[in-house]
C-alpha atoms as a PDB file:
ATOM      1  CA  UNK A   1      -0.180   0.032   0.001  1.00  0.00           C
ATOM      2  CA  UNK A   2       1.157   3.270  -0.756  1.00  0.00           C
ATOM      3  CA  UNK A   3       0.176   6.426   1.548  1.00  0.00           C
ATOM      4  CA  UNK A   4       0.620   9.824   0.543  1.00  0.00           C
ATOM      5  CA  UNK A   5       1.463  12.024   3.433  1.00  0.00           C
ATOM      6  CA  UNK A   6       1.390  15.930   3.221  1.00  0.00           C
ATOM      7  CA  UNK A   7       4.365  17.849   4.631  1.00  0.00           C
ATOM      8  CA  UNK A   8       4.572  21.372   4.908  1.00  0.00           C
ATOM      9  CA  UNK A   9       7.536  23.130   3.451  1.00  0.00           C
ATOM     10  CA  UNK A  10       7.766  27.167   4.270  1.00  0.00           C
ATOM     11  CA  UNK A  11       5.015  29.065   2.034  1.00  0.00           C
ATOM     12  CA  UNK A  12       3.195  25.722   0.398  1.00  0.00           C
ATOM     13  CA  UNK A  13       3.223  21.755   0.712  1.00  0.00           C
ATOM     14  CA  UNK A  14       4.513  19.008  -0.911  1.00  0.00           C
ATOM     15  CA  UNK A  15       3.124  15.472  -1.258  1.00  0.00           C
ATOM     16  CA  UNK A  16       5.421  12.299  -0.511  1.00  0.00           C
ATOM     17  CA  UNK A  17       4.433   8.927  -0.894  1.00  0.00           C
ATOM     18  CA  UNK A  18       6.051   6.271   1.356  1.00  0.00           C
ATOM     19  CA  UNK A  19       5.604   2.866   0.348  1.00  0.00           C
ATOM     20  CA  UNK A  20       5.533   1.134   3.983  1.00  0.00           C
ATOM     21  CA  UNK A  21       3.506  -1.610   4.578  1.00  0.00           C
ATOM     22  CA  UNK A  22       0.989   0.827   6.999  1.00  0.00           C
ATOM     23  CA  UNK A  23      -2.067   2.488   6.446  1.00  0.00           C
ATOM     24  CA  UNK A  24      -2.258   5.563   8.567  1.00  0.00           C
ATOM     25  CA  UNK A  25      -4.846   7.527   6.674  1.00  0.00           C
ATOM     26  CA  UNK A  26      -7.522   4.865   6.129  1.00  0.00           C
ATOM     27  CA  UNK A  27      -7.172   4.058   9.814  1.00  0.00           C
ATOM     28  CA  UNK A  28      -7.748   7.587  10.858  1.00  0.00           C
ATOM     29  CA  UNK A  29     -10.719   8.004   8.463  1.00  0.00           C
ATOM     30  CA  UNK A  30     -12.471   5.140   9.199  1.00  0.00           C
ATOM     31  CA  UNK A  31     -12.568   6.301  13.029  1.00  0.00           C
ATOM     32  CA  UNK A  32     -15.255   9.349  11.668  1.00  0.00           C
ATOM     33  CA  UNK A  33     -17.268   6.597   9.526  1.00  0.00           C
ATOM     34  CA  UNK A  34     -20.633   4.784  10.352  1.00  0.00           C
ATOM     35  CA  UNK A  35     -20.539   1.469  11.646  1.00  0.00           C
ATOM     36  CA  UNK A  36     -21.813  -0.439   8.380  1.00  0.00           C
ATOM     37  CA  UNK A  37     -19.016   1.108   6.369  1.00  0.00           C
ATOM     38  CA  UNK A  38     -16.487  -1.098   8.253  1.00  0.00           C
ATOM     39  CA  UNK A  39     -18.443  -3.961   7.297  1.00  0.00           C
ATOM     40  CA  UNK A  40     -16.765  -6.347   4.768  1.00  0.00           C
ATOM     41  CA  UNK A  41     -17.988  -6.815   1.499  1.00  0.00           C
ATOM     42  CA  UNK A  42     -20.449  -9.582   1.216  1.00  0.00           C
ATOM     43  CA  UNK A  43     -21.674 -11.129  -2.131  1.00  0.00           C
ATOM     44  CA  UNK A  44     -24.254 -13.162  -0.391  1.00  0.00           C
ATOM     45  CA  UNK A  45     -25.260 -16.577  -0.899  1.00  0.00           C
ATOM     46  CA  UNK A  46     -27.524 -16.130  -4.107  1.00  0.00           C
ATOM     47  CA  UNK A  47     -26.613 -16.361  -7.780  1.00  0.00           C
ATOM     48  CA  UNK A  48     -27.791 -13.198  -9.281  1.00  0.00           C
ATOM     49  CA  UNK A  49     -25.142 -10.927 -10.826  1.00  0.00           C
ATOM     50  CA  UNK A  50     -26.028  -7.257  -9.337  1.00  0.00           C
ATOM     51  CA  UNK A  51     -23.423  -4.716  -9.820  1.00  0.00           C
ATOM     52  CA  UNK A  52     -23.299  -2.875  -6.517  1.00  0.00           C
ATOM     53  CA  UNK A  53     -20.744  -0.711  -4.341  1.00  0.00           C
ATOM     54  CA  UNK A  54     -19.068  -1.322  -1.086  1.00  0.00           C
ATOM     55  CA  UNK A  55     -16.718   1.358   1.176  1.00  0.00           C
ATOM     56  CA  UNK A  56     -13.106  -0.722   1.308  1.00  0.00           C
ATOM     57  CA  UNK A  57     -11.815   0.615   4.711  1.00  0.00           C
ATOM     58  CA  UNK A  58      -8.380  -0.655   3.908  1.00  0.00           C
ATOM     59  CA  UNK A  59      -8.241   1.475   0.692  1.00  0.00           C
ATOM     60  CA  UNK A  60     -10.495   4.037   1.942  1.00  0.00           C
ATOM     61  CA  UNK A  61     -12.405   4.366  -1.210  1.00  0.00           C
ATOM     62  CA  UNK A  62     -15.980   2.754  -2.434  1.00  0.00           C
ATOM     63  CA  UNK A  63     -15.293  -0.011  -5.063  1.00  0.00           C
ATOM     64  CA  UNK A  64     -17.549  -1.933  -7.355  1.00  0.00           C
ATOM     65  CA  UNK A  65     -18.444  -5.599  -6.390  1.00  0.00           C
ATOM     66  CA  UNK A  66     -20.722  -8.231  -8.017  1.00  0.00           C
ATOM     67  CA  UNK A  67     -23.751  -9.172  -5.221  1.00  0.00           C
ATOM     68  CA  UNK A  68     -25.626 -12.348  -5.471  1.00  0.00           C
ATOM     69  CA  UNK A  69     -28.973 -10.765  -4.234  1.00  0.00           C
ATOM     70  CA  UNK A  70     -29.390 -12.206  -1.033  1.00  0.00           C
ATOM     71  CA  UNK A  71     -27.642 -12.615   2.627  1.00  0.00           C
ATOM     72  CA  UNK A  72     -25.712  -8.863   1.963  1.00  0.00           C
ATOM     73  CA  UNK A  73     -25.017  -6.573   4.914  1.00  0.00           C
ATOM     74  CA  UNK A  74     -25.400  -2.733   5.133  1.00  0.00           C
ATOM     75  CA  UNK A  75     -22.375  -1.619   3.230  1.00  0.00           C
ATOM     76  CA  UNK A  76     -23.698  -2.454   0.305  1.00  0.00           C
ATOM     77  CA  UNK A  77     -25.218   0.207  -2.274  1.00  0.00           C
ATOM     78  CA  UNK A  78     -27.129   0.435  -5.852  1.00  0.00           C
ATOM     79  CA  UNK A  79     -25.183   3.561  -6.708  1.00  0.00           C
ATOM     80  CA  UNK A  80     -21.592   4.367  -6.601  1.00  0.00           C
ATOM     81  CA  UNK A  81     -22.834   7.969  -5.424  1.00  0.00           C
ATOM     82  CA  UNK A  82     -24.731   6.778  -2.173  1.00  0.00           C
ATOM     83  CA  UNK A  83     -21.800   4.918  -1.288  1.00  0.00           C
ATOM     84  CA  UNK A  84     -19.464   7.905  -1.406  1.00  0.00           C
ATOM     85  CA  UNK A  85     -22.122  10.124   0.674  1.00  0.00           C
ATOM     86  CA  UNK A  86     -22.044   7.664   3.334  1.00  0.00           C
ATOM     87  CA  UNK A  87     -18.783   6.513   3.927  1.00  0.00           C
ATOM     88  CA  UNK A  88     -16.071   8.288   1.293  1.00  0.00           C
ATOM     89  CA  UNK A  89     -13.974  11.656   2.242  1.00  0.00           C
ATOM     90  CA  UNK A  90     -15.323  12.729  -1.285  1.00  0.00           C
ATOM     91  CA  UNK A  91     -16.210  11.908  -4.564  1.00  0.00           C
ATOM     92  CA  UNK A  92     -13.045  10.356  -6.347  1.00  0.00           C
ATOM     93  CA  UNK A  93     -10.287  11.176  -3.415  1.00  0.00           C
ATOM     94  CA  UNK A  94      -7.665   9.294  -2.313  1.00  0.00           C
ATOM     95  CA  UNK A  95      -6.934   9.343   1.658  1.00  0.00           C
ATOM     96  CA  UNK A  96      -4.237  11.378   2.595  1.00  0.00           C
ATOM     97  CA  UNK A  97      -2.353  11.429   5.882  1.00  0.00           C
ATOM     98  CA  UNK A  98      -1.494  14.774   7.298  1.00  0.00           C
ATOM     99  CA  UNK A  99       1.527  15.100   9.638  1.00  0.00           C
END
């Protein structure tokens, strides 16, 4: 995982990436999410092929998956926009850790 860290330098700021095996930003962001956003993706036990979206707490993004149509959980959205409104920082964003 690559974590983008914003570092202040004088009058501005710059972004540095650190390919460490830790994920500060998603953990910080997860603390402010509704509990259902932290539930795992569940495809369900049925055989329908329904396109849905879930919030991936590890990446901090809403992602597409195929839902079977039954036995899911609340981290299951018909529209990407609904997932982002409920769980993401903002549309199309990637998590940042500010130090």
